């Protein structure tokens, strides 16, 4: 191809594809006819000077979903499209996506169990009213009463109850107590036992993961000695319902686990829908550990985290 003609094709392509000129504007600028501009643009594509790629986020999300389902033996994976890899933005998008998913699957006679935290709160605020019959909402684990960061435990239960017009059960207890005998005494109470049993019986559980960082709600809550904190930060990849596990999903710091009030993680795996809602760069290892531990059979995450999980060695 002659150099002058090649330069003309490149100039037309640059004006059209990079600078957003219309074909009519290019024709006027270069003093040629509009059909000539159209012909030069076609030549730019035919000769490989211009390549047009369509990035379909829906298709990409579906592909990631299938790969994650196969890799971690999950029932379902829902991948939310996010424009930025920012934790606050991701939580908001995940909340919307998870609320939409939950609204679709919840039906009469379901028992829905939830954990607390900012991600689940985002979900709860996005729930749309769906009156259903003979359905119950229950809190999965004890809460944190003395924390600088809000856990939204009571708000979440209230919002779920409001959306589904149903009965709710809050677990008004600390997540972790000082001694195992204290835990045993608390769990022996018939009213507390009723709520804990309800959590076990739930066919739907919805929760997120926490990370063992210094500013986490649990580490700020004065539950732990310095030795406990050292063990958590050296061994744990994440926590679900205040129970810590390592990168392979194995419960670690057994002493703390024995003092924790709420559902045992192996019970989550038995649910019809055990839904993990989590994403973002800070939670990658925690999500991976939770999936390796088989604590969830449904994952709702963002596309960036999904892509990283697919590439992690299993």
Protein backbone atom coordinates (compact mmCIF):
# COMPACT_ATOMS: atom_id res chain seq x y z
CA UNK A 1 0.00 0.00 0.00
CA UNK A 2 1.31 3.43 -0.92
CA UNK A 3 2.59 5.50 1.97
CA UNK A 4 0.29 8.48 1.23
CA UNK A 5 -2.79 6.26 1.10
CA UNK A 6 -1.75 4.46 4.29
CA UNK A 7 -1.31 7.79 6.10
CA UNK A 8 -4.75 8.89 4.89
CA UNK A 9 -6.38 5.67 6.21
CA UNK A 10 -4.62 6.06 9.58
CA UNK A 11 -5.64 9.70 9.86
CA UNK A 12 -9.29 8.94 9.08
CA UNK A 13 -9.30 6.03 11.56
CA UNK A 14 -7.70 8.16 14.28
CA UNK A 15 -10.23 10.96 13.82
CA UNK A 16 -13.18 8.56 13.82
CA UNK A 17 -12.23 6.02 16.50
CA UNK A 18 -10.00 8.01 18.86
CA UNK A 19 -11.25 11.58 18.57
CA UNK A 20 -14.96 10.80 17.98
CA UNK A 21 -15.36 12.85 14.79
CA UNK A 22 -18.41 11.96 12.71
CA UNK A 23 -17.86 10.78 9.11
CA UNK A 24 -19.37 14.04 7.86
CA UNK A 25 -16.98 16.10 10.04
CA UNK A 26 -13.99 14.08 8.80
CA UNK A 27 -15.07 14.59 5.16
CA UNK A 28 -15.26 18.34 5.69
CA UNK A 29 -11.94 18.48 7.57
CA UNK A 30 -10.04 16.48 4.93
CA UNK A 31 -11.99 17.91 1.97
CA UNK A 32 -13.18 14.54 0.69
CA UNK A 33 -16.64 13.01 0.22
CA UNK A 34 -18.40 11.14 3.01
CA UNK A 35 -18.47 7.87 0.95
CA UNK A 36 -14.67 8.20 0.67
CA UNK A 37 -14.39 8.43 4.46
CA UNK A 38 -16.62 5.34 4.81
CA UNK A 39 -14.45 3.45 2.28
CA UNK A 40 -11.22 4.42 4.09
CA UNK A 41 -12.66 3.27 7.44
CA UNK A 42 -13.59 -0.09 5.89
CA UNK A 43 -10.06 -0.42 4.51
CA UNK A 44 -8.68 0.36 8.00
CA UNK A 45 -10.62 -2.63 9.37
CA UNK A 46 -9.94 -4.94 6.43
CA UNK A 47 -6.18 -4.32 6.56
CA UNK A 48 -5.95 -4.81 10.35
CA UNK A 49 -5.04 -1.20 11.12
CA UNK A 50 -8.20 -1.04 13.24
CA UNK A 51 -9.44 -3.97 15.34
CA UNK A 52 -12.83 -3.78 17.03
CA UNK A 53 -13.32 -5.81 20.22
CA UNK A 54 -16.56 -5.99 22.16
CA UNK A 55 -16.07 -6.63 25.88
CA UNK A 56 -19.32 -8.13 27.13
CA UNK A 57 -19.35 -7.94 30.98
CA UNK A 58 -22.36 -10.27 31.14
CA UNK A 59 -20.56 -12.93 29.11
CA UNK A 60 -17.37 -12.45 31.15
CA UNK A 61 -19.33 -12.78 34.39
CA UNK A 62 -21.04 -15.95 33.20
CA UNK A 63 -17.70 -17.50 32.24
CA UNK A 64 -16.20 -16.63 35.64
CA UNK A 65 -19.29 -18.04 37.37
CA UNK A 66 -18.95 -21.39 35.62
CA UNK A 67 -15.22 -21.63 36.33
CA UNK A 68 -15.71 -20.84 40.02
CA UNK A 69 -18.59 -23.32 40.32
CA UNK A 70 -16.38 -26.06 38.90
CA UNK A 71 -13.30 -25.10 40.90
CA UNK A 72 -14.96 -24.90 44.33
CA UNK A 73 -17.92 -27.28 43.72
CA UNK A 74 -20.48 -24.52 44.31
CA UNK A 75 -24.20 -24.66 43.52
CA UNK A 76 -24.31 -21.09 42.23
CA UNK A 77 -22.00 -18.12 41.64
CA UNK A 78 -23.29 -14.61 40.97
CA UNK A 79 -20.72 -12.13 39.69
CA UNK A 80 -21.46 -8.42 40.08
CA UNK A 81 -19.96 -5.98 37.59
CA UNK A 82 -18.15 -3.06 39.29
CA UNK A 83 -16.44 -0.10 37.68
CA UNK A 84 -13.73 0.34 40.32
CA UNK A 85 -11.89 -2.02 42.64
CA UNK A 86 -12.83 0.02 45.69
CA UNK A 87 -14.06 -1.64 48.92
CA UNK A 88 -16.92 0.78 49.63
CA UNK A 89 -18.19 0.68 46.06
CA UNK A 90 -17.87 -3.11 45.93
CA UNK A 91 -19.93 -3.52 49.12
CA UNK A 92 -22.66 -1.34 47.66
CA UNK A 93 -22.80 -3.33 44.41
CA UNK A 94 -22.66 -6.65 46.23
CA UNK A 95 -25.47 -5.51 48.53
CA UNK A 96 -27.69 -4.72 45.53
CA UNK A 97 -26.81 -7.97 43.75
CA UNK A 98 -27.29 -10.14 46.86
CA UNK A 99 -30.60 -8.43 47.75
CA UNK A 100 -31.91 -9.10 44.24
CA UNK A 101 -30.79 -12.75 44.46
CA UNK A 102 -32.38 -13.22 47.88
CA UNK A 103 -35.65 -11.61 46.80
CA UNK A 104 -35.85 -14.13 43.96
CA UNK A 105 -35.17 -17.28 45.99
CA UNK A 106 -37.01 -16.61 49.29
CA UNK A 107 -40.33 -18.41 49.58
CA UNK A 108 -43.00 -19.41 52.11
CA UNK A 109 -41.86 -21.52 55.09
CA UNK A 110 -38.16 -20.56 54.70
CA UNK A 111 -36.02 -20.01 57.78
CA UNK A 112 -33.46 -17.33 56.93
CA UNK A 113 -30.39 -16.93 59.11
CA UNK A 114 -28.09 -13.91 58.84
CA UNK A 115 -24.80 -12.73 60.29
CA UNK A 116 -23.98 -9.07 60.97
CA UNK A 117 -21.53 -6.58 59.46
CA UNK A 118 -21.38 -3.83 56.85
CA UNK A 119 -21.71 -6.06 53.77
CA UNK A 120 -24.84 -7.83 55.06
CA UNK A 121 -26.20 -4.44 56.16
CA UNK A 122 -25.79 -3.12 52.58
CA UNK A 123 -27.81 -6.14 51.42
CA UNK A 124 -30.49 -5.58 54.06
CA UNK A 125 -30.98 -1.93 53.06
CA UNK A 126 -31.54 -2.97 49.43
CA UNK A 127 -34.18 -5.64 50.08
CA UNK A 128 -37.51 -4.99 48.39
CA UNK A 129 -40.79 -5.87 50.15
CA UNK A 130 -41.90 -9.44 49.47
CA UNK A 131 -44.65 -10.62 51.80
CA UNK A 132 -44.27 -14.35 52.42
CA UNK A 133 -45.99 -16.73 54.84
CA UNK A 134 -44.70 -18.78 57.75
CA UNK A 135 -41.15 -17.53 57.31
CA UNK A 136 -38.67 -16.74 60.07
CA UNK A 137 -35.51 -14.61 60.24
CA UNK A 138 -32.87 -15.39 62.88
CA UNK A 139 -29.42 -14.07 63.80
CA UNK A 140 -26.65 -16.64 63.30
CA UNK A 141 -24.12 -15.50 65.89
CA UNK A 142 -23.58 -13.29 68.91
CA UNK A 143 -22.74 -9.63 68.41
CA UNK A 144 -20.30 -6.99 69.58
CA UNK A 145 -21.63 -4.35 71.97
CA UNK A 146 -18.44 -2.34 72.55
CA UNK A 147 -16.95 -1.46 69.18
CA UNK A 148 -16.06 1.81 67.45
CA UNK A 149 -17.36 0.31 64.21
CA UNK A 150 -21.10 -0.39 63.87
CA UNK A 151 -22.03 -4.03 63.28
CA UNK A 152 -25.71 -3.31 62.42
CA UNK A 153 -26.85 -6.61 64.03
CA UNK A 154 -30.27 -5.42 65.19
CA UNK A 155 -30.80 -3.19 62.12
CA UNK A 156 -30.17 -6.13 59.76
CA UNK A 157 -32.69 -8.38 61.50
CA UNK A 158 -35.24 -5.55 61.57
CA UNK A 159 -34.79 -4.78 57.84
CA UNK A 160 -35.12 -8.45 56.90
CA UNK A 161 -38.28 -8.78 58.98
CA UNK A 162 -39.73 -5.62 57.45
CA UNK A 163 -39.00 -6.71 53.87
CA UNK A 164 -40.47 -10.19 54.28
CA UNK A 165 -43.23 -9.22 56.78
CA UNK A 166 -42.16 -11.97 59.11
CA UNK A 167 -41.11 -12.92 62.64
CA UNK A 168 -37.52 -12.19 63.69
CA UNK A 169 -35.20 -13.53 66.39
CA UNK A 170 -32.19 -11.53 67.57
CA UNK A 171 -29.37 -13.24 69.49
CA UNK A 172 -28.66 -10.63 72.22
CA UNK A 173 -25.34 -12.12 73.32
CA UNK A 174 -21.62 -11.43 72.98
CA UNK A 175 -19.92 -13.20 70.06
CA UNK A 176 -17.20 -14.60 72.34
CA UNK A 177 -17.11 -15.13 76.11
CA UNK A 178 -14.15 -15.48 78.49
CA UNK A 179 -14.61 -19.13 79.47
CA UNK A 180 -16.12 -22.21 77.87
CA UNK A 181 -18.18 -22.85 81.04
CA UNK A 182 -19.81 -19.42 80.56
CA UNK A 183 -20.71 -20.38 77.00
CA UNK A 184 -22.14 -23.71 78.17
CA UNK A 185 -24.24 -21.99 80.82
CA UNK A 186 -25.60 -19.44 78.32
CA UNK A 187 -26.43 -22.09 75.74
CA UNK A 188 -28.22 -24.16 78.38
CA UNK A 189 -30.87 -21.44 78.73
CA UNK A 190 -33.98 -22.70 76.92
CA UNK A 191 -34.73 -19.32 75.27
CA UNK A 192 -31.20 -18.99 73.93
CA UNK A 193 -31.19 -22.65 72.88
CA UNK A 194 -34.37 -22.05 70.86
CA UNK A 195 -32.71 -19.27 68.85
CA UNK A 196 -29.48 -21.24 68.32
CA UNK A 197 -31.47 -24.28 67.17
CA UNK A 198 -33.42 -22.07 64.78
CA UNK A 199 -30.12 -20.97 63.24
CA UNK A 200 -29.15 -24.62 62.77
CA UNK A 201 -32.53 -25.44 61.21
CA UNK A 202 -32.40 -22.52 58.75
CA UNK A 203 -32.44 -23.62 55.12
CA UNK A 204 -30.97 -20.28 53.98
CA UNK A 205 -27.92 -18.69 55.60
CA UNK A 206 -26.44 -15.43 54.38
CA UNK A 207 -23.12 -14.06 55.64
CA UNK A 208 -19.86 -12.37 54.73
CA UNK A 209 -16.23 -12.86 55.80
CA UNK A 210 -14.08 -10.75 58.09
CA UNK A 211 -10.32 -10.36 58.02
CA UNK A 212 -7.92 -10.58 60.99
CA UNK A 213 -6.58 -7.04 60.68
CA UNK A 214 -5.87 -4.69 63.58
CA UNK A 215 -8.89 -2.47 62.91
CA UNK A 216 -11.38 -5.33 62.50
CA UNK A 217 -14.52 -5.18 64.64
CA UNK A 218 -13.66 -8.35 66.54
CA UNK A 219 -10.04 -7.42 67.29
CA UNK A 220 -11.20 -4.02 68.53
CA UNK A 221 -13.84 -5.55 70.79
CA UNK A 222 -11.61 -6.39 73.76
CA UNK A 223 -12.49 -10.08 73.58
CA UNK A 224 -8.90 -11.19 73.14
CA UNK A 225 -5.69 -11.25 75.10
CA UNK A 226 -2.48 -10.16 73.37
CA UNK A 227 -1.62 -13.85 72.94
CA UNK A 228 -5.00 -14.47 71.28
CA UNK A 229 -4.44 -11.56 68.91
CA UNK A 230 -0.98 -12.85 68.00
CA UNK A 231 -2.38 -16.32 67.25
CA UNK A 232 -5.22 -14.90 65.16
CA UNK A 233 -2.98 -12.64 63.10
CA UNK A 234 -0.34 -15.34 62.56
CA UNK A 235 -2.71 -18.20 61.69
CA UNK A 236 -6.06 -16.89 60.45
CA UNK A 237 -6.98 -15.91 56.89
CA UNK A 238 -10.50 -14.86 57.81
CA UNK A 239 -13.56 -15.35 59.99
CA UNK A 240 -17.21 -16.18 59.51
CA UNK A 241 -19.70 -15.69 62.34
CA UNK A 242 -16.75 -14.83 64.65
CA UNK A 243 -15.03 -18.19 63.98
CA UNK A 244 -11.50 -17.97 62.58
CA UNK A 245 -10.09 -20.24 59.87
CA UNK A 246 -6.80 -20.46 57.97
CA UNK A 247 -6.09 -20.23 54.23
CA UNK A 248 -7.19 -23.86 53.78
CA UNK A 249 -10.47 -23.29 55.58
CA UNK A 250 -9.45 -25.17 58.72
CA UNK A 251 -10.63 -23.78 62.07
CA UNK A 252 -7.65 -22.25 63.85
CA UNK A 253 -7.22 -20.97 67.42
CA UNK A 254 -9.40 -23.77 68.81
CA UNK A 255 -9.57 -22.18 72.25
CA UNK A 256 -11.41 -19.15 70.83
CA UNK A 257 -13.67 -21.31 68.72
CA UNK A 258 -14.77 -23.17 71.85
CA UNK A 259 -15.76 -19.85 73.48
CA UNK A 260 -17.70 -18.52 70.48
CA UNK A 261 -21.49 -18.33 70.60
CA UNK A 262 -23.38 -19.04 67.40
CA UNK A 263 -23.50 -21.49 64.55
CA UNK A 264 -20.59 -23.88 63.96
CA UNK A 265 -19.11 -23.41 60.50
CA UNK A 266 -19.58 -27.04 59.51
CA UNK A 267 -23.33 -26.48 60.02
CA UNK A 268 -23.30 -23.80 57.30
CA UNK A 269 -22.20 -26.34 54.70
CA UNK A 270 -25.39 -28.36 55.32
CA UNK A 271 -27.75 -25.55 54.31
CA UNK A 272 -29.85 -25.69 51.16
CA UNK A 273 -28.45 -22.21 50.41
CA UNK A 274 -25.32 -21.16 52.28
CA UNK A 275 -24.66 -17.77 50.71
CA UNK A 276 -21.31 -16.00 51.03
CA UNK A 277 -21.42 -12.34 50.00
CA UNK A 278 -17.93 -10.86 49.83
CA UNK A 279 -15.46 -9.18 47.52
CA UNK A 280 -12.64 -6.69 47.25
CA UNK A 281 -8.85 -6.87 47.54
CA UNK A 282 -8.76 -7.02 51.33
CA UNK A 283 -10.98 -10.10 51.51
CA UNK A 284 -9.45 -12.29 48.79
CA UNK A 285 -7.62 -14.72 51.11
CA UNK A 286 -10.57 -14.91 53.51
CA UNK A 287 -12.98 -15.75 50.66
CA UNK A 288 -10.56 -18.36 49.31
CA UNK A 289 -10.24 -20.00 52.76
CA UNK A 290 -14.03 -20.00 53.21
CA UNK A 291 -14.51 -21.70 49.84
CA UNK A 292 -11.79 -24.27 50.54
CA UNK A 293 -13.49 -25.00 53.86
CA UNK A 294 -16.77 -25.62 51.96
CA UNK A 295 -18.65 -23.25 54.27
CA UNK A 296 -20.62 -21.74 51.37
CA UNK A 297 -22.38 -23.34 48.42
CA UNK A 298 -23.42 -20.03 46.85
CA UNK A 299 -20.94 -17.19 46.22
CA UNK A 300 -21.85 -13.60 45.38
CA UNK A 301 -18.74 -11.56 44.55
CA UNK A 302 -17.40 -8.92 42.16
CA UNK A 303 -15.80 -9.66 38.80
CA UNK A 304 -12.26 -8.63 39.83
CA UNK A 305 -12.28 -10.89 42.90
CA UNK A 306 -13.86 -13.70 40.85
CA UNK A 307 -11.06 -13.44 38.31
CA UNK A 308 -8.39 -13.58 41.01
CA UNK A 309 -10.06 -16.58 42.70
CA UNK A 310 -10.11 -18.45 39.39
CA UNK A 311 -6.36 -17.94 39.01
CA UNK A 312 -5.43 -18.96 42.57
CA UNK A 313 -3.90 -22.40 42.97
CA UNK A 314 -6.38 -24.85 44.48
